[in-house]
């Protein structure tokens, strides 16, 4: 379980195609001292298992399903990634409950600066959009964010403060860039219960 509060902005150092998986070595400034094989790390919001640690950072092996359902399939050396270690029971929950189970890929549709902050519009999968509420939570590339408005039939508007813009990979996104999207956990369960009752 995660909180959506990014601990470090890492970078993909190397990628290696294995027989049935793809291995990523990720530079993780300030995180590797506490990481051991078997730990869970949210990489752009996708929960991945650490398979090894070393001077360069840590490595993860990613299977085809994850490569297809997340933006991990697009990673190349030099790609910036948001990193968060799994939360400890009893820690302060500064963001919201995040599973690290990506529901789909969204796309940045528009970004504009408004004084000291940025407004970013993201198109999100329809099932995520329908379980999202105004001023509720959504996770984009592993960042816990608040929905400030709805745009059209399947897009959300997010206000990004300067700290988040500069300390996560959201600030480096260009229009059209893909992002990992995880819907609010409570919204998903409520939506599932209502759909079962309706049927």
Protein backbone atom coordinates (compact mmCIF):
# COMPACT_ATOMS: atom_id res chain seq x y z
CA UNK A 1 0.00 0.00 0.00
CA UNK A 2 1.21 3.51 -0.83
CA UNK A 3 0.17 7.10 -0.18
CA UNK A 4 0.88 8.86 -3.48
CA UNK A 5 3.52 11.07 -1.86
CA UNK A 6 6.59 10.80 -4.08
CA UNK A 7 9.82 10.28 -2.13
CA UNK A 8 12.30 10.71 -4.95
CA UNK A 9 12.52 11.45 -8.65
CA UNK A 10 14.52 8.56 -10.07
CA UNK A 11 15.73 7.74 -13.55
CA UNK A 12 15.82 4.60 -15.65
CA UNK A 13 19.51 3.70 -15.96
CA UNK A 14 19.32 0.53 -18.09
CA UNK A 15 16.76 -1.76 -19.68
CA UNK A 16 17.35 -5.39 -20.58
CA UNK A 17 14.98 -7.71 -22.41
CA UNK A 18 15.03 -11.17 -20.84
CA UNK A 19 13.24 -14.28 -22.12
CA UNK A 20 9.79 -13.40 -20.77
CA UNK A 21 10.33 -10.17 -18.80
CA UNK A 22 12.05 -6.81 -19.11
CA UNK A 23 14.52 -5.73 -16.45
CA UNK A 24 14.86 -2.09 -15.45
CA UNK A 25 17.71 -0.72 -13.38
CA UNK A 26 16.50 2.47 -11.72
CA UNK A 27 18.65 5.15 -10.17
CA UNK A 28 17.05 5.98 -6.83
CA UNK A 29 18.81 8.82 -5.02
CA UNK A 30 18.42 8.47 -1.27
CA UNK A 31 16.29 5.31 -1.35
CA UNK A 32 18.67 2.41 -1.97
CA UNK A 33 20.14 2.32 1.56
CA UNK A 34 16.84 1.00 2.94
CA UNK A 35 15.83 -1.21 0.02
CA UNK A 36 16.30 -4.98 -0.09
CA UNK A 37 15.25 -7.61 -2.59
CA UNK A 38 11.56 -8.35 -2.19
CA UNK A 39 10.55 -4.83 -1.18
CA UNK A 40 7.73 -3.10 -3.02
CA UNK A 41 8.32 0.23 -4.74
CA UNK A 42 5.79 2.29 -6.66
CA UNK A 43 7.45 3.30 -9.92
CA UNK A 44 5.25 5.97 -11.51
CA UNK A 45 2.47 4.50 -9.40
CA UNK A 46 2.92 0.86 -10.46
CA UNK A 47 3.78 -1.47 -7.58
CA UNK A 48 6.93 -3.37 -8.57
CA UNK A 49 9.12 -5.82 -6.64
CA UNK A 50 12.78 -5.04 -6.06
CA UNK A 51 14.86 -7.95 -7.38
CA UNK A 52 18.32 -6.55 -6.61
CA UNK A 53 20.07 -3.46 -5.29
CA UNK A 54 23.46 -2.01 -6.12
CA UNK A 55 25.49 1.16 -6.58
CA UNK A 56 23.33 2.27 -9.53
CA UNK A 57 20.07 1.86 -7.64
CA UNK A 58 17.70 -1.09 -7.77
CA UNK A 59 16.35 -3.45 -10.40
CA UNK A 60 12.84 -4.71 -11.13
CA UNK A 61 11.62 -7.38 -13.55
CA UNK A 62 8.40 -6.46 -15.33
CA UNK A 63 6.12 -8.95 -17.09
CA UNK A 64 4.22 -8.40 -20.32
CA UNK A 65 0.88 -7.59 -18.68
CA UNK A 66 2.40 -4.69 -16.77
CA UNK A 67 4.33 -3.51 -19.83
CA UNK A 68 1.06 -3.45 -21.78
CA UNK A 69 -1.18 -1.88 -19.12
CA UNK A 70 1.19 0.82 -17.87
CA UNK A 71 3.68 3.28 -19.31
CA UNK A 72 6.56 0.98 -18.32
CA UNK A 73 6.64 -0.43 -21.85
CA UNK A 74 7.77 3.02 -23.03
CA UNK A 75 10.66 3.37 -20.57
CA UNK A 76 14.10 3.97 -22.04
CA UNK A 77 17.41 4.90 -20.42
CA UNK A 78 17.11 8.43 -19.06
CA UNK A 79 13.35 8.33 -18.45
CA UNK A 80 12.47 10.09 -15.17
CA UNK A 81 10.23 8.10 -12.79
CA UNK A 82 8.43 8.92 -9.55
CA UNK A 83 9.40 6.62 -6.68
CA UNK A 84 7.69 5.76 -3.40
CA UNK A 85 8.46 2.92 -1.01
CA UNK A 86 5.56 0.98 0.51
CA UNK A 87 4.13 2.71 3.55
CA UNK A 88 4.60 1.29 7.04
CA UNK A 89 1.55 0.58 9.18
CA UNK A 90 1.25 3.51 11.56
CA UNK A 91 2.90 6.05 9.23
CA UNK A 92 1.25 9.40 8.60
CA UNK A 93 -1.03 9.19 5.55
CA UNK A 94 -0.30 12.49 3.79
CA UNK A 95 -1.87 11.55 0.44
CA UNK A 96 -4.57 8.90 0.09
CA UNK A 97 -4.75 5.10 0.00
CA UNK A 98 -2.98 3.97 -3.19
CA UNK A 99 -2.65 0.30 -4.11
CA UNK A 100 -0.10 0.65 -6.88
CA UNK A 101 -2.49 -1.23 -9.19
CA UNK A 102 -2.68 0.86 -12.35
CA UNK A 103 -6.18 0.98 -13.84
CA UNK A 104 -5.08 2.25 -17.23
CA UNK A 105 -3.15 4.87 -19.15
CA UNK A 106 -4.25 8.48 -19.49
CA UNK A 107 -2.84 11.35 -21.54
CA UNK A 108 -1.95 14.96 -20.83
CA UNK A 109 -4.30 17.04 -22.96
CA UNK A 110 -3.43 20.58 -21.91
CA UNK A 111 -1.18 22.44 -19.51
CA UNK A 112 -1.22 26.14 -18.68
CA UNK A 113 0.48 28.16 -16.02
CA UNK A 114 -1.79 30.28 -13.83
CA UNK A 115 0.37 32.55 -11.73
CA UNK A 116 2.43 30.37 -9.43
CA UNK A 117 0.74 27.06 -10.23
CA UNK A 118 -0.18 24.95 -13.25
CA UNK A 119 -3.50 23.62 -14.51
CA UNK A 120 -3.17 20.26 -16.23
CA UNK A 121 -5.98 18.43 -18.03
CA UNK A 122 -5.71 14.66 -18.32
CA UNK A 123 -7.87 12.34 -20.36
CA UNK A 124 -8.44 9.22 -18.25
CA UNK A 125 -10.02 5.82 -18.92
CA UNK A 126 -13.83 5.97 -18.79
CA UNK A 127 -14.12 3.51 -15.89
CA UNK A 128 -11.78 5.72 -13.84
CA UNK A 129 -13.68 8.86 -14.81
CA UNK A 130 -16.99 7.38 -13.66
CA UNK A 131 -15.67 6.53 -10.18
CA UNK A 132 -14.01 9.94 -9.71
CA UNK A 133 -15.65 12.76 -7.77
CA UNK A 134 -15.03 16.49 -7.76
CA UNK A 135 -12.42 17.37 -5.13
CA UNK A 136 -11.76 13.66 -4.72
CA UNK A 137 -8.45 11.85 -5.17
CA UNK A 138 -6.82 10.39 -8.24
CA UNK A 139 -3.31 9.01 -8.75
CA UNK A 140 -1.34 10.05 -11.83
CA UNK A 141 2.17 8.58 -12.26
CA UNK A 142 2.07 7.68 -8.59
CA UNK A 143 1.23 11.20 -7.38
CA UNK A 144 -1.78 11.69 -5.11
CA UNK A 145 -3.75 14.56 -6.64
CA UNK A 146 -7.06 16.34 -6.09
CA UNK A 147 -9.54 16.68 -8.94
CA UNK A 148 -10.40 20.38 -9.24
CA UNK A 149 -12.78 20.11 -12.20
CA UNK A 150 -14.14 17.87 -14.94
CA UNK A 151 -13.42 18.68 -18.56
CA UNK A 152 -15.63 17.16 -21.24
CA UNK A 153 -16.80 13.57 -20.86
CA UNK A 154 -13.64 11.81 -19.69
CA UNK A 155 -11.03 14.35 -18.58
CA UNK A 156 -10.03 15.75 -15.21
CA UNK A 157 -8.37 19.06 -14.39
CA UNK A 158 -5.65 19.07 -11.76
CA UNK A 159 -4.03 22.05 -10.08
CA UNK A 160 -0.30 21.45 -9.61
CA UNK A 161 1.61 23.46 -7.02
CA UNK A 162 5.23 24.45 -7.77
CA UNK A 163 6.71 21.86 -5.38
CA UNK A 164 4.91 18.99 -7.10
CA UNK A 165 5.64 20.38 -10.56
CA UNK A 166 9.38 20.52 -9.88
CA UNK A 167 9.83 17.45 -7.64
CA UNK A 168 7.95 14.86 -9.71
CA UNK A 169 7.99 13.88 -13.38
CA UNK A 170 4.69 15.71 -13.98
CA UNK A 171 6.56 18.94 -14.68
CA UNK A 172 8.46 17.31 -17.55
CA UNK A 173 5.36 16.06 -19.36
CA UNK A 174 4.55 17.39 -22.82
CA UNK A 175 1.03 17.51 -24.22
CA UNK A 176 0.15 14.01 -25.42
CA UNK A 177 2.41 12.29 -22.88
CA UNK A 178 0.97 9.11 -21.31
CA UNK A 179 0.56 8.68 -17.54
CA UNK A 180 -0.33 5.79 -15.27
CA UNK A 181 -3.79 6.27 -13.75
CA UNK A 182 -5.19 4.69 -10.59
CA UNK A 183 -8.73 5.52 -9.54
CA UNK A 184 -9.64 6.27 -5.95
CA UNK A 185 -9.79 3.00 -4.01
CA UNK A 186 -13.09 3.78 -2.27
CA UNK A 187 -14.69 4.90 -5.54
CA UNK A 188 -13.72 1.62 -7.21
CA UNK A 189 -15.30 -0.49 -4.48
CA UNK A 190 -18.47 1.58 -4.37
CA UNK A 191 -18.74 1.45 -8.17
CA UNK A 192 -18.30 -2.32 -8.16
CA UNK A 193 -20.93 -2.87 -5.46
CA UNK A 194 -23.47 -0.65 -7.25
CA UNK A 195 -22.88 -2.36 -10.62
CA UNK A 196 -23.40 -5.82 -9.08
CA UNK A 197 -26.61 -4.70 -7.38
CA UNK A 198 -27.88 -3.12 -10.60
CA UNK A 199 -27.35 -6.34 -12.52
